[in-house]
C-alpha atoms as a PDB file:
ATOM      1  CA  MET A   1      67.220  87.105  93.728  1.00  0.00           C
ATOM      2  CA  ASP A   2      69.064  85.968  96.837  1.00  0.00           C
ATOM      3  CA  ASP A   3      68.821  82.483  98.421  1.00  0.00           C
ATOM      4  CA  GLN A   4      65.986  83.169 100.585  1.00  0.00           C
ATOM      5  CA  GLN A   5      63.943  84.507  97.987  1.00  0.00           C
ATOM      6  CA  ARG A   6      64.567  81.775  95.314  1.00  0.00           C
ATOM      7  CA  PRO A   7      62.658  78.513  95.432  1.00  0.00           C
ATOM      8  CA  GLY A   8      64.617  75.579  96.963  1.00  0.00           C
ATOM      9  CA  SER A   9      66.158  73.011  94.823  1.00  0.00           C
ATOM     10  CA  ALA A  10      66.154  70.672  97.910  1.00  0.00           C
ATOM     11  CA  VAL A  11      62.312  71.056  98.229  1.00  0.00           C
ATOM     12  CA  THR A  12      61.950  70.311  94.359  1.00  0.00           C
ATOM     13  CA  VAL A  13      64.109  67.204  94.919  1.00  0.00           C
ATOM     14  CA  ILE A  14      62.387  65.938  98.168  1.00  0.00           C
ATOM     15  CA  VAL A  15      58.788  66.346  96.588  1.00  0.00           C
ATOM     16  CA  ALA A  16      59.917  64.368  93.348  1.00  0.00           C
ATOM     17  CA  ALA A  17      61.737  61.493  95.722  1.00  0.00           C
ATOM     18  CA  LEU A  18      58.760  61.003  97.883  1.00  0.00           C
ATOM     19  CA  ALA A  19      56.374  60.914  94.897  1.00  0.00           C
ATOM     20  CA  ASN A  20      58.519  58.297  93.091  1.00  0.00           C
ATOM     21  CA  LEU A  21      59.066  55.930  95.943  1.00  0.00           C
ATOM     22  CA  GLY A  22      55.292  55.516  96.576  1.00  0.00           C
ATOM     23  CA  ILE A  23      54.825  55.241  92.894  1.00  0.00           C
ATOM     24  CA  ALA A  24      57.643  52.463  92.804  1.00  0.00           C
ATOM     25  CA  VAL A  25      55.985  50.139  95.263  1.00  0.00           C
ATOM     26  CA  ALA A  26      52.540  50.499  93.632  1.00  0.00           C
ATOM     27  CA  LYS A  27      54.017  49.566  90.101  1.00  0.00           C
ATOM     28  CA  ALA A  28      55.876  46.743  91.413  1.00  0.00           C
ATOM     29  CA  VAL A  29      52.776  45.339  92.915  1.00  0.00           C
ATOM     30  CA  ALA A  30      50.702  45.811  90.192  1.00  0.00           C
ATOM     31  CA  GLY A  31      53.450  44.253  87.742  1.00  0.00           C
ATOM     32  CA  LEU A  32      53.658  41.206  89.686  1.00  0.00           C
ATOM     33  CA  LEU A  33      50.014  40.541  90.147  1.00  0.00           C
ATOM     34  CA  GLY A  34      49.158  41.363  86.507  1.00  0.00           C
ATOM     35  CA  GLY A  35      52.287  39.833  85.043  1.00  0.00           C
ATOM     36  CA  SER A  36      53.163  43.105  83.164  1.00  0.00           C
ATOM     37  CA  SER A  37      56.760  43.516  82.115  1.00  0.00           C
ATOM     38  CA  ALA A  38      56.073  47.119  81.232  1.00  0.00           C
ATOM     39  CA  MET A  39      54.790  47.658  84.666  1.00  0.00           C
ATOM     40  CA  LEU A  40      57.864  46.136  86.291  1.00  0.00           C
ATOM     41  CA  ALA A  41      59.993  48.229  83.954  1.00  0.00           C
ATOM     42  CA  GLU A  42      57.985  51.322  85.286  1.00  0.00           C
ATOM     43  CA  ALA A  43      58.601  50.236  88.850  1.00  0.00           C
ATOM     44  CA  ALA A  44      62.412  50.025  88.043  1.00  0.00           C
ATOM     45  CA  HIS A  45      62.146  53.353  86.422  1.00  0.00           C
ATOM     46  CA  SER A  46      60.535  54.921  89.499  1.00  0.00           C
ATOM     47  CA  LEU A  47      62.883  53.393  91.741  1.00  0.00           C
ATOM     48  CA  ALA A  48      66.027  54.438  89.914  1.00  0.00           C
ATOM     49  CA  ASP A  49      64.362  57.981  90.029  1.00  0.00           C
ATOM     50  CA  THR A  50      64.063  57.739  93.731  1.00  0.00           C
ATOM     51  CA  VAL A  51      67.729  56.789  94.179  1.00  0.00           C
ATOM     52  CA  THR A  52      68.536  59.590  91.730  1.00  0.00           C
ATOM     53  CA  GLU A  53      66.739  62.218  93.851  1.00  0.00           C
ATOM     54  CA  LEU A  54      68.172  61.230  97.023  1.00  0.00           C
ATOM     55  CA  MET A  55      71.711  61.490  95.505  1.00  0.00           C
ATOM     56  CA  LEU A  56      70.732  64.939  93.990  1.00  0.00           C
ATOM     57  CA  LEU A  57      69.624  65.897  97.514  1.00  0.00           C
ATOM     58  CA  VAL A  58      73.048  64.909  99.006  1.00  0.00           C
ATOM     59  CA  ALA A  59      74.543  66.844  96.280  1.00  0.00           C
ATOM     60  CA  VAL A  60      72.411  70.036  97.020  1.00  0.00           C
ATOM     61  CA  THR A  61      73.148  69.810 100.631  1.00  0.00           C
ATOM     62  CA  ARG A  62      77.118  69.138 100.431  1.00  0.00           C
ATOM     63  CA  ALA A  63      77.515  71.650  97.676  1.00  0.00           C
ATOM     64  CA  ASP A  64      76.270  74.371  99.996  1.00  0.00           C
ATOM     65  CA  LYS A  65      78.834  73.996 102.730  1.00  0.00           C
ATOM     66  CA  PRO A  66      81.113  77.012 103.105  1.00  0.00           C
ATOM     67  CA  ALA A  67      84.663  77.262 101.864  1.00  0.00           C
ATOM     68  CA  ASP A  68      87.283  76.157 104.359  1.00  0.00           C
ATOM     69  CA  GLU A  69      91.148  75.773 104.315  1.00  0.00           C
ATOM     70  CA  GLU A  70      90.981  72.331 102.691  1.00  0.00           C
ATOM     71  CA  HIS A  71      88.438  73.681 100.213  1.00  0.00           C
ATOM     72  CA  PRO A  72      89.318  77.311  99.581  1.00  0.00           C
ATOM     73  CA  LEU A  73      87.181  77.724  96.384  1.00  0.00           C
ATOM     74  CA  GLY A  74      84.102  75.897  98.204  1.00  0.00           C
ATOM     75  CA  HIS A  75      82.384  72.616  97.679  1.00  0.00           C
ATOM     76  CA  GLY A  76      80.184  73.748  94.649  1.00  0.00           C
ATOM     77  CA  PRO A  77      81.665  71.376  92.131  1.00  0.00           C
ATOM     78  CA  GLU A  78      80.618  68.469  94.322  1.00  0.00           C
ATOM     79  CA  ARG A  79      77.038  68.707  93.154  1.00  0.00           C
ATOM     80  CA  TYR A  80      78.126  67.684  89.760  1.00  0.00           C
ATOM     81  CA  ILE A  81      79.892  64.551  91.028  1.00  0.00           C
ATOM     82  CA  TRP A  82      76.665  63.285  92.887  1.00  0.00           C
ATOM     83  CA  ALA A  83      74.404  64.372  89.828  1.00  0.00           C
ATOM     84  CA  LEU A  84      76.717  62.297  87.495  1.00  0.00           C
ATOM     85  CA  LEU A  85      76.420  59.325  89.797  1.00  0.00           C
ATOM     86  CA  ALA A  86      72.684  59.915  89.799  1.00  0.00           C
ATOM     87  CA  ALA A  87      72.608  59.773  85.793  1.00  0.00           C
ATOM     88  CA  VAL A  88      74.569  56.624  86.286  1.00  0.00           C
ATOM     89  CA  ALA A  89      71.898  55.206  88.406  1.00  0.00           C
ATOM     90  CA  THR A  90      69.143  56.148  86.129  1.00  0.00           C
ATOM     91  CA  PHE A  91      70.946  54.216  83.442  1.00  0.00           C
ATOM     92  CA  VAL A  92      71.765  51.074  85.544  1.00  0.00           C
ATOM     93  CA  GLY A  93      68.941  50.900  87.766  1.00  0.00           C
ATOM     94  CA  GLY A  94      66.102  51.833  85.257  1.00  0.00           C
ATOM     95  CA  ALA A  95      67.178  51.572  81.557  1.00  0.00           C
ATOM     96  CA  VAL A  96      69.236  48.299  81.808  1.00  0.00           C
ATOM     97  CA  PHE A  97      66.533  46.522  83.688  1.00  0.00           C
ATOM     98  CA  SER A  98      63.743  47.761  81.463  1.00  0.00           C
ATOM     99  CA  VAL A  99      65.393  46.545  78.241  1.00  0.00           C
ATOM    100  CA  TYR A 100      66.392  43.235  79.787  1.00  0.00           C
ATOM    101  CA  ASP A 101      62.795  42.562  81.069  1.00  0.00           C
ATOM    102  CA  GLY A 102      61.393  43.597  77.889  1.00  0.00           C
ATOM    103  CA  ILE A 103      63.597  41.214  75.791  1.00  0.00           C
ATOM    104  CA  ARG A 104      62.715  38.386  78.281  1.00  0.00           C
ATOM    105  CA  ALA A 105      58.985  39.190  77.851  1.00  0.00           C
ATOM    106  CA  LEU A 106      59.479  39.014  73.954  1.00  0.00           C
ATOM    107  CA  ALA A 107      61.600  35.737  74.202  1.00  0.00           C
ATOM    108  CA  HIS A 108      59.068  34.109  76.292  1.00  0.00           C
ATOM    109  CA  GLY A 109      55.985  35.051  74.944  1.00  0.00           C
ATOM    110  CA  GLU A 110      54.141  35.582  78.380  1.00  0.00           C
ATOM    111  CA  GLU A 111      50.299  35.895  78.138  1.00  0.00           C
ATOM    112  CA  PRO A 112      49.022  39.241  79.676  1.00  0.00           C
ATOM    113  CA  GLY A 113      47.061  39.179  82.915  1.00  0.00           C
ATOM    114  CA  ASP A 114      44.315  41.323  84.410  1.00  0.00           C
ATOM    115  CA  PRO A 115      45.392  44.960  83.619  1.00  0.00           C
ATOM    116  CA  LEU A 116      42.613  46.557  85.838  1.00  0.00           C
ATOM    117  CA  LEU A 117      45.043  47.196  88.805  1.00  0.00           C
ATOM    118  CA  SER A 118      47.978  48.283  86.430  1.00  0.00           C
ATOM    119  CA  TYR A 119      45.512  51.080  84.857  1.00  0.00           C
ATOM    120  CA  VAL A 120      44.505  52.173  88.380  1.00  0.00           C
ATOM    121  CA  VAL A 121      48.306  52.490  89.353  1.00  0.00           C
ATOM    122  CA  LEU A 122      49.120  54.247  86.190  1.00  0.00           C
ATOM    123  CA  ALA A 123      46.485  56.677  86.406  1.00  0.00           C
ATOM    124  CA  VAL A 124      47.351  57.636  90.185  1.00  0.00           C
ATOM    125  CA  ALA A 125      51.081  57.557  89.103  1.00  0.00           C
ATOM    126  CA  PHE A 126      50.417  60.154  86.321  1.00  0.00           C
ATOM    127  CA  VAL A 127      48.700  62.500  88.793  1.00  0.00           C
ATOM    128  CA  LEU A 128      51.484  62.296  91.329  1.00  0.00           C
ATOM    129  CA  GLU A 129      54.227  62.649  88.472  1.00  0.00           C
ATOM    130  CA  SER A 130      52.408  65.745  87.142  1.00  0.00           C
ATOM    131  CA  LEU A 131      52.280  67.467  90.590  1.00  0.00           C
ATOM    132  CA  SER A 132      56.045  66.697  91.056  1.00  0.00           C
ATOM    133  CA  LEU A 133      56.844  67.975  87.479  1.00  0.00           C
ATOM    134  CA  ARG A 134      54.706  71.205  88.218  1.00  0.00           C
ATOM    135  CA  THR A 135      57.033  71.773  91.125  1.00  0.00           C
ATOM    136  CA  GLY A 136      60.146  71.545  89.057  1.00  0.00           C
ATOM    137  CA  LEU A 137      58.667  73.563  86.248  1.00  0.00           C
ATOM    138  CA  ARG A 138      57.707  76.219  88.476  1.00  0.00           C
ATOM    139  CA  GLN A 139      61.137  76.642  89.863  1.00  0.00           C
ATOM    140  CA  ALA A 140      62.741  76.356  86.485  1.00  0.00           C
ATOM    141  CA  ARG A 141      60.457  79.022  84.939  1.00  0.00           C
ATOM    142  CA  ALA A 142      60.831  81.469  87.661  1.00  0.00           C
ATOM    143  CA  GLU A 143      64.719  81.412  87.336  1.00  0.00           C
ATOM    144  CA  ALA A 144      64.416  81.628  83.465  1.00  0.00           C
ATOM    145  CA  ARG A 145      62.364  84.765  84.055  1.00  0.00           C
ATOM    146  CA  LEU A 146      64.874  86.226  86.345  1.00  0.00           C
ATOM    147  CA  LEU A 147      67.663  85.606  83.742  1.00  0.00           C
ATOM    148  CA  SER A 148      65.602  86.856  81.003  1.00  0.00           C
ATOM    149  CA  LEU A 149      65.919  83.618  79.068  1.00  0.00           C
ATOM    150  CA  GLY A 150      63.335  81.388  77.386  1.00  0.00           C
ATOM    151  CA  PHE A 151      62.423  78.130  79.256  1.00  0.00           C
ATOM    152  CA  GLY A 152      64.099  75.768  76.693  1.00  0.00           C
ATOM    153  CA  ARG A 153      67.449  77.781  76.601  1.00  0.00           C
ATOM    154  CA  TYR A 154      67.580  78.035  80.447  1.00  0.00           C
ATOM    155  CA  LEU A 155      67.083  74.231  80.701  1.00  0.00           C
ATOM    156  CA  ARG A 156      69.921  73.547  78.275  1.00  0.00           C
ATOM    157  CA  ARG A 157      72.287  76.059  80.041  1.00  0.00           C
ATOM    158  CA  THR A 158      71.378  76.011  83.707  1.00  0.00           C
ATOM    159  CA  PRO A 159      73.946  74.796  86.173  1.00  0.00           C
ATOM    160  CA  ASP A 160      71.502  73.766  88.525  1.00  0.00           C
ATOM    161  CA  THR A 161      71.359  70.243  87.554  1.00  0.00           C
ATOM    162  CA  ALA A 162      69.130  69.151  90.517  1.00  0.00           C
ATOM    163  CA  VAL A 163      66.227  71.174  88.988  1.00  0.00           C
ATOM    164  CA  LYS A 164      67.083  70.019  85.372  1.00  0.00           C
ATOM    165  CA  ALA A 165      67.267  66.307  86.598  1.00  0.00           C
ATOM    166  CA  VAL A 166      63.913  66.613  88.295  1.00  0.00           C
ATOM    167  CA  VAL A 167      62.285  68.321  85.071  1.00  0.00           C
ATOM    168  CA  LEU A 168      63.641  65.622  82.700  1.00  0.00           C
ATOM    169  CA  GLU A 169      63.058  62.628  84.845  1.00  0.00           C
ATOM    170  CA  ASP A 170      59.434  63.672  85.566  1.00  0.00           C
ATOM    171  CA  SER A 171      58.767  64.378  81.933  1.00  0.00           C
ATOM    172  CA  ALA A 172      60.411  60.970  81.047  1.00  0.00           C
ATOM    173  CA  ALA A 173      58.218  59.368  83.750  1.00  0.00           C
ATOM    174  CA  LEU A 174      54.993  60.759  82.268  1.00  0.00           C
ATOM    175  CA  ALA A 175      56.100  59.622  78.948  1.00  0.00           C
ATOM    176  CA  GLY A 176      56.991  56.125  80.345  1.00  0.00           C
ATOM    177  CA  LEU A 177      53.412  55.907  81.879  1.00  0.00           C
ATOM    178  CA  LEU A 178      51.870  56.301  78.655  1.00  0.00           C
ATOM    179  CA  LEU A 179      54.285  53.910  77.037  1.00  0.00           C
ATOM    180  CA  ALA A 180      53.242  51.376  79.693  1.00  0.00           C
ATOM    181  CA  ALA A 181      49.445  52.084  79.260  1.00  0.00           C
ATOM    182  CA  GLY A 182      50.091  51.515  75.485  1.00  0.00           C
ATOM    183  CA  GLY A 183      51.651  48.107  76.004  1.00  0.00           C
ATOM    184  CA  LEU A 184      48.871  47.019  78.475  1.00  0.00           C
ATOM    185  CA  LEU A 185      46.128  48.231  75.854  1.00  0.00           C
ATOM    186  CA  GLY A 186      47.817  46.648  73.030  1.00  0.00           C
ATOM    187  CA  GLY A 187      47.999  43.256  75.081  1.00  0.00           C
ATOM    188  CA  GLN A 188      44.509  43.504  76.059  1.00  0.00           C
ATOM    189  CA  LEU A 189      43.068  43.927  72.627  1.00  0.00           C
ATOM    190  CA  THR A 190      45.439  41.410  70.675  1.00  0.00           C
ATOM    191  CA  GLY A 191      46.126  38.879  73.736  1.00  0.00           C
ATOM    192  CA  SER A 192      49.720  39.085  72.884  1.00  0.00           C
ATOM    193  CA  GLY A 193      52.454  39.895  75.320  1.00  0.00           C
ATOM    194  CA  VAL A 194      54.651  41.417  72.527  1.00  0.00           C
ATOM    195  CA  TRP A 195      53.227  44.842  73.145  1.00  0.00           C
ATOM    196  CA  ASP A 196      53.987  44.740  76.760  1.00  0.00           C
ATOM    197  CA  GLY A 197      57.592  43.723  75.918  1.00  0.00           C
ATOM    198  CA  VAL A 198      57.978  46.385  73.350  1.00  0.00           C
ATOM    199  CA  ALA A 199      56.812  48.965  75.634  1.00  0.00           C
ATOM    200  CA  SER A 200      59.341  47.860  78.301  1.00  0.00           C
ATOM    201  CA  ILE A 201      62.038  48.220  75.839  1.00  0.00           C
ATOM    202  CA  LEU A 202      60.976  51.669  74.741  1.00  0.00           C
ATOM    203  CA  ILE A 203      60.916  52.754  78.383  1.00  0.00           C
ATOM    204  CA  GLY A 204      64.469  51.611  78.740  1.00  0.00           C
ATOM    205  CA  ALA A 205      65.536  53.430  75.707  1.00  0.00           C
ATOM    206  CA  LEU A 206      63.895  56.592  77.125  1.00  0.00           C
ATOM    207  CA  LEU A 207      65.957  56.202  80.081  1.00  0.00           C
ATOM    208  CA  VAL A 208      69.082  55.654  78.295  1.00  0.00           C
ATOM    209  CA  TYR A 209      68.355  59.172  76.493  1.00  0.00           C
ATOM    210  CA  VAL A 210      67.540  60.898  79.894  1.00  0.00           C
ATOM    211  CA  ALA A 211      70.769  59.359  81.568  1.00  0.00           C
ATOM    212  CA  TRP A 212      72.899  60.526  78.543  1.00  0.00           C
ATOM    213  CA  VAL A 213      71.625  64.181  78.675  1.00  0.00           C
ATOM    214  CA  LEU A 214      72.160  64.415  82.610  1.00  0.00           C
ATOM    215  CA  GLY A 215      75.506  62.683  82.248  1.00  0.00           C
ATOM    216  CA  ALA A 216      76.924  64.941  79.648  1.00  0.00           C
ATOM    217  CA  ALA A 217      75.615  67.969  81.367  1.00  0.00           C
ATOM    218  CA  ASN A 218      77.177  67.171  84.624  1.00  0.00           C
ATOM    219  CA  ALA A 219      80.526  66.048  82.814  1.00  0.00           C
ATOM    220  CA  ARG A 220      80.817  69.438  81.206  1.00  0.00           C
ATOM    221  CA  LEU A 221      80.286  71.122  84.346  1.00  0.00           C
ATOM    222  CA  LEU A 222      83.037  68.893  86.245  1.00  0.00           C
ATOM    223  CA  ILE A 223      85.277  69.708  83.567  1.00  0.00           C
ATOM    224  CA  GLY A 224      84.759  73.343  83.809  1.00  0.00           C
ATOM    225  CA  ARG A 225      82.274  75.344  82.038  1.00  0.00           C
ATOM    226  CA  PRO A 226      82.435  79.302  81.436  1.00  0.00           C
ATOM    227  CA  LEU A 227      79.557  81.700  81.582  1.00  0.00           C
ATOM    228  CA  PRO A 228      77.545  81.968  78.286  1.00  0.00           C
ATOM    229  CA  PRO A 229      78.949  84.241  75.677  1.00  0.00           C
ATOM    230  CA  TYR A 230      76.341  87.070  76.375  1.00  0.00           C
ATOM    231  CA  LEU A 231      77.138  87.051  80.185  1.00  0.00           C
ATOM    232  CA  ARG A 232      80.955  87.123  79.504  1.00  0.00           C
ATOM    233  CA  ALA A 233      80.206  90.173  77.309  1.00  0.00           C
ATOM    234  CA  GLY A 234      78.400  91.790  80.314  1.00  0.00           C
ATOM    235  CA  VAL A 235      81.303  91.027  82.799  1.00  0.00           C
ATOM    236  CA  ARG A 236      83.807  92.547  80.247  1.00  0.00           C
ATOM    237  CA  GLU A 237      81.658  95.649  79.903  1.00  0.00           C
ATOM    238  CA  GLU A 238      81.398  96.046  83.496  1.00  0.00           C
ATOM    239  CA  ILE A 239      84.945  95.964  84.059  1.00  0.00           C
ATOM    240  CA  LEU A 240      85.839  98.541  81.413  1.00  0.00           C
ATOM    241  CA  SER A 241      83.281 100.831  83.013  1.00  0.00           C
ATOM    242  CA  VAL A 242      85.471 101.220  85.893  1.00  0.00           C
ATOM    243  CA  PRO A 243      87.655 104.310  86.073  1.00  0.00           C
ATOM    244  CA  HIS A 244      91.427 103.808  85.218  1.00  0.00           C
ATOM    245  CA  ILE A 245      90.747 100.409  83.509  1.00  0.00           C
ATOM    246  CA  VAL A 246      91.460 100.816  79.729  1.00  0.00           C
ATOM    247  CA  ASP A 247      91.404  97.159  78.531  1.00  0.00           C
ATOM    248  CA  VAL A 248      90.512  93.622  79.569  1.00  0.00           C
ATOM    249  CA  LEU A 249      93.272  91.628  77.892  1.00  0.00           C
ATOM    250  CA  GLU A 250      92.073  88.155  79.048  1.00  0.00           C
ATOM    251  CA  LEU A 251      88.874  87.130  80.704  1.00  0.00           C
ATOM    252  CA  THR A 252      88.325  83.589  82.338  1.00  0.00           C
ATOM    253  CA  THR A 253      84.972  82.594  84.056  1.00  0.00           C
ATOM    254  CA  LEU A 254      84.186  79.355  85.574  1.00  0.00           C
ATOM    255  CA  VAL A 255      80.774  78.142  86.826  1.00  0.00           C
ATOM    256  CA  GLN A 256      81.135  76.335  90.038  1.00  0.00           C
ATOM    257  CA  GLY A 257      77.717  76.204  91.133  1.00  0.00           C
ATOM    258  CA  PRO A 258      74.152  77.484  90.402  1.00  0.00           C
ATOM    259  CA  ARG A 259      74.908  80.528  92.460  1.00  0.00           C
ATOM    260  CA  GLU A 260      78.890  80.440  92.417  1.00  0.00           C
ATOM    261  CA  VAL A 261      80.908  81.724  89.686  1.00  0.00           C
ATOM    262  CA  LEU A 262      84.540  82.682  89.459  1.00  0.00           C
ATOM    263  CA  VAL A 263      85.876  85.551  87.425  1.00  0.00           C
ATOM    264  CA  ALA A 264      89.584  86.264  86.801  1.00  0.00           C
ATOM    265  CA  ALA A 265      90.908  88.678  84.267  1.00  0.00           C
ATOM    266  CA  LYS A 266      94.315  90.212  83.002  1.00  0.00           C
ATOM    267  CA  VAL A 267      93.449  94.023  83.134  1.00  0.00           C
ATOM    268  CA  ASP A 268      95.349  96.956  81.535  1.00  0.00           C
ATOM    269  CA  PHE A 269      95.330  99.951  83.764  1.00  0.00           C
ATOM    270  CA  ARG A 270      96.125 103.517  82.763  1.00  0.00           C
ATOM    271  CA  ASP A 271     100.010 104.165  82.827  1.00  0.00           C
ATOM    272  CA  ALA A 272      99.366 107.222  84.949  1.00  0.00           C
ATOM    273  CA  SER A 273      97.393 105.432  87.661  1.00  0.00           C
ATOM    274  CA  SER A 274      98.789 105.267  90.928  1.00  0.00           C
ATOM    275  CA  ALA A 275      99.036 102.007  92.988  1.00  0.00           C
ATOM    276  CA  ARG A 276      96.218 103.207  95.349  1.00  0.00           C
ATOM    277  CA  GLN A 277      94.003 104.123  92.326  1.00  0.00           C
ATOM    278  CA  VAL A 278      94.698 100.503  90.681  1.00  0.00           C
ATOM    279  CA  GLU A 279      93.762  98.987  94.273  1.00  0.00           C
ATOM    280  CA  TRP A 280      90.474 100.902  94.374  1.00  0.00           C
ATOM    281  CA  ALA A 281      89.700 100.346  90.749  1.00  0.00           C
ATOM    282  CA  CYS A 282      90.049  96.461  91.487  1.00  0.00           C
ATOM    283  CA  GLU A 283      87.561  96.939  94.576  1.00  0.00           C
ATOM    284  CA  GLU A 284      85.250  98.860  92.493  1.00  0.00           C
ATOM    285  CA  ALA A 285      85.180  96.302  89.636  1.00  0.00           C
ATOM    286  CA  GLU A 286      84.451  93.487  91.990  1.00  0.00           C
ATOM    287  CA  GLU A 287      81.715  95.435  93.705  1.00  0.00           C
ATOM    288  CA  GLN A 288      79.907  96.257  90.542  1.00  0.00           C
ATOM    289  CA  LEU A 289      80.183  92.671  88.987  1.00  0.00           C
ATOM    290  CA  ARG A 290      78.578  91.338  92.356  1.00  0.00           C
ATOM    291  CA  GLU A 291      75.796  93.964  92.058  1.00  0.00           C
ATOM    292  CA  ARG A 292      75.051  93.124  88.620  1.00  0.00           C
ATOM    293  CA  TYR A 293      75.721  89.480  88.706  1.00  0.00           C
ATOM    294  CA  PRO A 294      74.878  88.181  92.392  1.00  0.00           C
ATOM    295  CA  ALA A 295      76.134  84.657  91.405  1.00  0.00           C
ATOM    296  CA  ILE A 296      79.879  85.993  90.983  1.00  0.00           C
ATOM    297  CA  ARG A 297      81.444  84.921  94.235  1.00  0.00           C
ATOM    298  CA  ARG A 298      85.072  85.434  93.585  1.00  0.00           C
ATOM    299  CA  VAL A 299      86.869  87.972  91.455  1.00  0.00           C
ATOM    300  CA  TYR A 300      90.540  88.083  90.760  1.00  0.00           C
ATOM    301  CA  LEU A 301      91.951  90.973  88.632  1.00  0.00           C
ATOM    302  CA  ASP A 302      95.622  90.759  87.486  1.00  0.00           C
ATOM    303  CA  PRO A 303      97.172  94.264  86.570  1.00  0.00           C
ATOM    304  CA  THR A 304      98.749  93.544  83.138  1.00  0.00           C
ATOM    305  CA  PRO A 305     100.652  95.841  80.777  1.00  0.00           C
ATOM    306  CA  GLY A 306      98.716  96.217  77.402  1.00  0.00           C
ATOM    307  CA  LEU A 307     100.457  96.130  74.007  1.00  0.00           C
ATOM    308  CA  GLY A 308     100.409 100.097  74.057  1.00  0.00           C
ATOM    309  CA  GLY A 309     102.407 100.087  77.306  1.00  0.00           C
ATOM    310  CA  GLU A 310     105.597 101.734  77.755  1.00  0.00           C
ATOM    311  CA  ALA A 311     108.629  99.599  76.738  1.00  0.00           C
ATOM    312  CA  GLY A 312     111.556  99.273  78.937  1.00  0.00           C
ATOM    313  CA  THR A 313     109.692  99.867  82.158  1.00  0.00           C
ATOM    314  CA  GLY A 314     109.263  96.254  83.249  1.00  0.00           C
ATOM    315  CA  PRO A 315     111.319  94.151  86.003  1.00  0.00           C
ATOM    316  CA  GLY A 316     113.810  93.126  83.156  1.00  0.00           C
ATOM    317  CA  ALA A 317     114.376  96.423  81.725  1.00  0.00           C
ATOM    318  CA  GLY A 318     117.815  97.453  81.132  1.00  0.00           C
ATOM    319  CA  ARG A 319     119.423  93.837  81.482  1.00  0.00           C
ATOM    320  CA  GLY A 320     121.787  92.712  78.807  1.00  0.00           C
ATOM    321  CA  GLY A 321     121.001  90.001  76.354  1.00  0.00           C
END
C-alpha cells in the first residue's frame, strides 16, 4: 500500500488531540466545581495527552521531509525523538500530577462534593475517547492486515509510534475514566474522599505504565532496530533469488521509519561473473526488494568473496610476508 492509499497517521493524531483538548477543559471545570481529585487527575491526563499528540504531529510532519545534503539518509528517525519527548510529557504532565494530587487528597481527607457534573463530563469524555480510539484502531488493524500480522503483534512491533501512542493513550484514557467514575461512586456511597484519592493514584500509575511502554519503544528505534526475523529471512531469500548471487554473507537491516528501511549486505557473487553482470545483479536485487517490500528505500550491496572463493586473487596476493 502506498502513501496515498494508507490512512494518515497525522489525521489519527489530529483527531485525538482535538478530542483530548476539549475533554481536558471539561474535566478541569468539573473537578474544580465538584472538588474531585480524580477529575483533576483526569484533566491533567487529557492535557498531557493533548501535548503528547501535538508533539507526535510535529514528529509525523518533520519525519516526512525528503533527504538532503545535510541529511543524506532522510529525517525518519526524528519522529522517534519527538515521540520519546511525548512519552516524557505523559509521565511528567499526567502521571506525576495525578499521583501527587491523589496523595494530597488522602492526606487532607477532603469531603467529596456534588458528583453530578463530573458524571456528565465522564460520560461525554468516554464517547469522545471511544471515537478517537476507533480511528486509531481502524488504522492499526488495516496495517496489521496488510502485513499479515495479528493485531497484538503488530502493535508491539510497529515502527509507526504515532499510531501506537494514540491507541495506547486512548485505551488508557478509557480505563482512567472508569477509575475516576469508580472513585466518585465510592465517595458518594461512603462519604469518604479516600476513594477519590485512590482513583487519582491509580490513574497516575496507569500513565506511568503507558509512558514507560512508549518511551522504551521509541528508545529502541532511536538506538537502531532491525526488521523482524521473518522479514530478514524474506530479504535474504529475495537477494539469493537473483542470478549470479550465490550467498549472502552478512545482512544488516535498519528501521528508520514506518515506511523507511535500509538494507545493507555483503554478497558473494559467482567467480565467473563479469563486472557488468555483478552490476546488473545488484540493480535487480534492489528492484526485487523494493517491489516485495515497498518500505525498503535504500539498498547497499557489497560484493565480497565467500569462503569458497579462489585464494591468492585479492589485492594483496603475491606480496611477501
